[in-house]
C-alpha atoms as a PDB file:
ATOM      1  CA  MET A   1       0.000   0.000   0.000  1.00  0.00           C
ATOM      2  CA  LEU A   2       1.358   3.372  -0.978  1.00  0.00           C
ATOM      3  CA  LEU A   3       1.475   5.915   1.809  1.00  0.00           C
ATOM      4  CA  LEU A   4      -0.968   8.670   0.938  1.00  0.00           C
ATOM      5  CA  PHE A   5       0.682  11.263   3.054  1.00  0.00           C
ATOM      6  CA  ILE A   6       4.396  11.667   3.620  1.00  0.00           C
ATOM      7  CA  LEU A   7       5.330  12.924   7.075  1.00  0.00           C
ATOM      8  CA  GLY A   8       7.654  15.876   7.057  1.00  0.00           C
ATOM      9  CA  CYS A   9       7.355  16.707   3.383  1.00  0.00           C
ATOM     10  CA  GLY A  10       8.162  20.365   2.920  1.00  0.00           C
ATOM     11  CA  GLU A  11       8.608  21.092   6.615  1.00  0.00           C
ATOM     12  CA  GLU A  12      11.786  21.732   8.502  1.00  0.00           C
ATOM     13  CA  PRO A  13      12.169  19.670  11.663  1.00  0.00           C
ATOM     14  CA  SER A  14      12.021  21.533  14.929  1.00  0.00           C
ATOM     15  CA  ARG A  15      12.981  20.891  18.517  1.00  0.00           C
ATOM     16  CA  PRO A  16      11.091  22.285  21.504  1.00  0.00           C
ATOM     17  CA  SER A  17      12.903  23.602  24.526  1.00  0.00           C
ATOM     18  CA  ASP A  18      13.487  21.126  27.359  1.00  0.00           C
ATOM     19  CA  SER A  19      13.254  23.804  30.033  1.00  0.00           C
ATOM     20  CA  GLY A  20      10.680  26.120  31.500  1.00  0.00           C
ATOM     21  CA  CYS A  21       7.648  23.895  31.020  1.00  0.00           C
ATOM     22  CA  SER A  22       5.228  22.067  33.232  1.00  0.00           C
ATOM     23  CA  SER A  23       4.154  18.585  32.218  1.00  0.00           C
ATOM     24  CA  ALA A  24       0.692  17.390  33.160  1.00  0.00           C
ATOM     25  CA  TYR A  25       1.674  13.718  32.788  1.00  0.00           C
ATOM     26  CA  GLY A  26       5.415  13.647  33.493  1.00  0.00           C
ATOM     27  CA  LEU A  27       6.040  11.281  30.592  1.00  0.00           C
ATOM     28  CA  THR A  28       9.457   9.896  29.782  1.00  0.00           C
ATOM     29  CA  TRP A  29      10.856   8.343  26.635  1.00  0.00           C
ATOM     30  CA  ASP A  30      11.352   4.929  28.255  1.00  0.00           C
ATOM     31  CA  GLY A  31       8.214   5.117  30.380  1.00  0.00           C
ATOM     32  CA  TRP A  32       5.638   5.807  27.634  1.00  0.00           C
ATOM     33  CA  VAL A  33       6.772   7.609  24.474  1.00  0.00           C
ATOM     34  CA  LYS A  34       8.980   4.810  23.111  1.00  0.00           C
ATOM     35  CA  GLY A  35       6.028   2.397  23.385  1.00  0.00           C
ATOM     36  CA  PHE A  36       3.733   4.861  21.624  1.00  0.00           C
ATOM     37  CA  MET A  37       6.212   5.246  18.759  1.00  0.00           C
ATOM     38  CA  THR A  38       6.657   1.473  18.515  1.00  0.00           C
ATOM     39  CA  THR A  39       2.890   0.940  18.381  1.00  0.00           C
ATOM     40  CA  TYR A  40       1.950   3.678  15.930  1.00  0.00           C
ATOM     41  CA  CYS A  41       5.014   4.886  14.017  1.00  0.00           C
ATOM     42  CA  LEU A  42       8.032   2.622  13.764  1.00  0.00           C
ATOM     43  CA  ALA A  43       6.585   0.206  11.205  1.00  0.00           C
ATOM     44  CA  CYS A  44       7.277   2.941   8.632  1.00  0.00           C
ATOM     45  CA  HIS A  45       9.450   5.509  10.465  1.00  0.00           C
ATOM     46  CA  SER A  46      12.436   3.450  11.613  1.00  0.00           C
ATOM     47  CA  VAL A  47      15.887   2.990  10.170  1.00  0.00           C
ATOM     48  CA  GLU A  48      15.185  -0.741  10.479  1.00  0.00           C
ATOM     49  CA  SER A  49      11.819  -0.701   8.654  1.00  0.00           C
ATOM     50  CA  PRO A  50      11.938  -3.239   5.824  1.00  0.00           C
ATOM     51  CA  GLU A  51       8.959  -1.554   4.079  1.00  0.00           C
ATOM     52  CA  ARG A  52       8.647   2.193   4.747  1.00  0.00           C
ATOM     53  CA  ARG A  53       5.378   2.482   2.771  1.00  0.00           C
ATOM     54  CA  GLY A  54       6.428   5.845   1.388  1.00  0.00           C
ATOM     55  CA  ALA A  55       7.865   7.334   4.584  1.00  0.00           C
ATOM     56  CA  PRO A  56      10.855   9.457   3.592  1.00  0.00           C
ATOM     57  CA  VAL A  57      14.276   8.033   4.366  1.00  0.00           C
ATOM     58  CA  GLY A  58      15.688   9.958   7.325  1.00  0.00           C
ATOM     59  CA  VAL A  59      12.308  10.703   8.894  1.00  0.00           C
ATOM     60  CA  ASP A  60      12.780   8.171  11.670  1.00  0.00           C
ATOM     61  CA  PHE A  61      11.468   8.070  15.222  1.00  0.00           C
ATOM     62  CA  ASP A  62      13.752   5.455  16.769  1.00  0.00           C
ATOM     63  CA  THR A  63      15.109   7.696  19.526  1.00  0.00           C
ATOM     64  CA  ARG A  64      13.983  10.522  21.783  1.00  0.00           C
ATOM     65  CA  ASP A  65      16.191  12.925  19.820  1.00  0.00           C
ATOM     66  CA  ASP A  66      14.626  11.772  16.531  1.00  0.00           C
ATOM     67  CA  VAL A  67      11.138  12.481  17.875  1.00  0.00           C
ATOM     68  CA  LEU A  68      12.141  15.874  19.231  1.00  0.00           C
ATOM     69  CA  GLN A  69      13.857  16.777  15.945  1.00  0.00           C
ATOM     70  CA  TRP A  70      10.610  16.040  14.067  1.00  0.00           C
ATOM     71  CA  SER A  71       8.245  17.306  16.793  1.00  0.00           C
ATOM     72  CA  GLY A  72       6.697  20.018  14.590  1.00  0.00           C
ATOM     73  CA  PRO A  73       5.623  17.701  11.767  1.00  0.00           C
ATOM     74  CA  ILE A  74       4.620  15.003  14.289  1.00  0.00           C
ATOM     75  CA  ARG A  75       2.400  17.508  16.107  1.00  0.00           C
ATOM     76  CA  THR A  76       0.851  18.663  12.832  1.00  0.00           C
ATOM     77  CA  ARG A  77       0.198  15.226  11.305  1.00  0.00           C
ATOM     78  CA  VAL A  78      -0.630  13.165  14.397  1.00  0.00           C
ATOM     79  CA  ILE A  79      -2.304  15.597  16.798  1.00  0.00           C
ATOM     80  CA  GLU A  80      -3.741  18.454  14.742  1.00  0.00           C
ATOM     81  CA  GLU A  81      -4.629  16.914  11.368  1.00  0.00           C
ATOM     82  CA  GLN A  82      -4.805  13.309  12.592  1.00  0.00           C
ATOM     83  CA  THR A  83      -3.599  12.083   9.190  1.00  0.00           C
ATOM     84  CA  MET A  84      -0.933   9.875  10.769  1.00  0.00           C
ATOM     85  CA  PRO A  85      -0.761   7.044  11.281  1.00  0.00           C
ATOM     86  CA  VAL A  86      -2.542   6.157   8.059  1.00  0.00           C
ATOM     87  CA  GLY A  87      -5.836   4.653   9.127  1.00  0.00           C
ATOM     88  CA  GLY A  88      -5.872   6.525  12.435  1.00  0.00           C
ATOM     89  CA  GLY A  89      -6.763   4.629  15.563  1.00  0.00           C
ATOM     90  CA  ILE A  90      -5.061   6.741  18.235  1.00  0.00           C
ATOM     91  CA  ILE A  91      -7.314   7.295  21.231  1.00  0.00           C
ATOM     92  CA  GLU A  92      -7.793  10.831  22.532  1.00  0.00           C
ATOM     93  CA  ASP A  93      -5.937  10.162  25.804  1.00  0.00           C
ATOM     94  CA  ASP A  94      -2.846   9.032  23.889  1.00  0.00           C
ATOM     95  CA  LEU A  95      -3.004  12.122  21.672  1.00  0.00           C
ATOM     96  CA  LEU A  96      -3.121  14.308  24.796  1.00  0.00           C
ATOM     97  CA  MET A  97      -0.153  12.507  26.313  1.00  0.00           C
ATOM     98  CA  LEU A  98       1.872  12.776  23.099  1.00  0.00           C
ATOM     99  CA  GLU A  99       1.126  16.481  22.950  1.00  0.00           C
ATOM    100  CA  ASP A 100       2.221  16.853  26.574  1.00  0.00           C
ATOM    101  CA  PHE A 101       5.530  15.133  25.815  1.00  0.00           C
ATOM    102  CA  LEU A 102       6.128  17.299  22.746  1.00  0.00           C
ATOM    103  CA  ASP A 103       5.319  20.410  24.784  1.00  0.00           C
ATOM    104  CA  CYS A 104       7.495  19.413  27.701  1.00  0.00           C
ATOM    105  CA  PRO A 105       9.961  16.580  27.038  1.00  0.00           C
ATOM    106  CA  GLU A 106      11.865  15.306  30.047  1.00  0.00           C
ATOM    107  CA  SER A 107      15.537  16.145  30.244  1.00  0.00           C
ATOM    108  CA  PRO A 108      17.880  13.635  28.607  1.00  0.00           C
END
């Protein structure tokens, strides 16, 4: 199946500040975010993906730094437009927690 929408196309990656924010959930990469990415994103957005289904090479979410580098396009596609993952399926609570992490990532 050809990916109908390519994450990050035409957008520069961005990285939010790690300081001066207040997290509602206190999420960490190992405690929740890595599992979210594994469930919803890494089938296409991983350097190890055998079939990227149209995901651009280099737009990978294997690490915390990868996710923070692409936080702007992730926020746009997953939270705001809800066009990723293709087919949807992310529950509202998970969208809120992802947004919280992108707004206020824990320190490395």
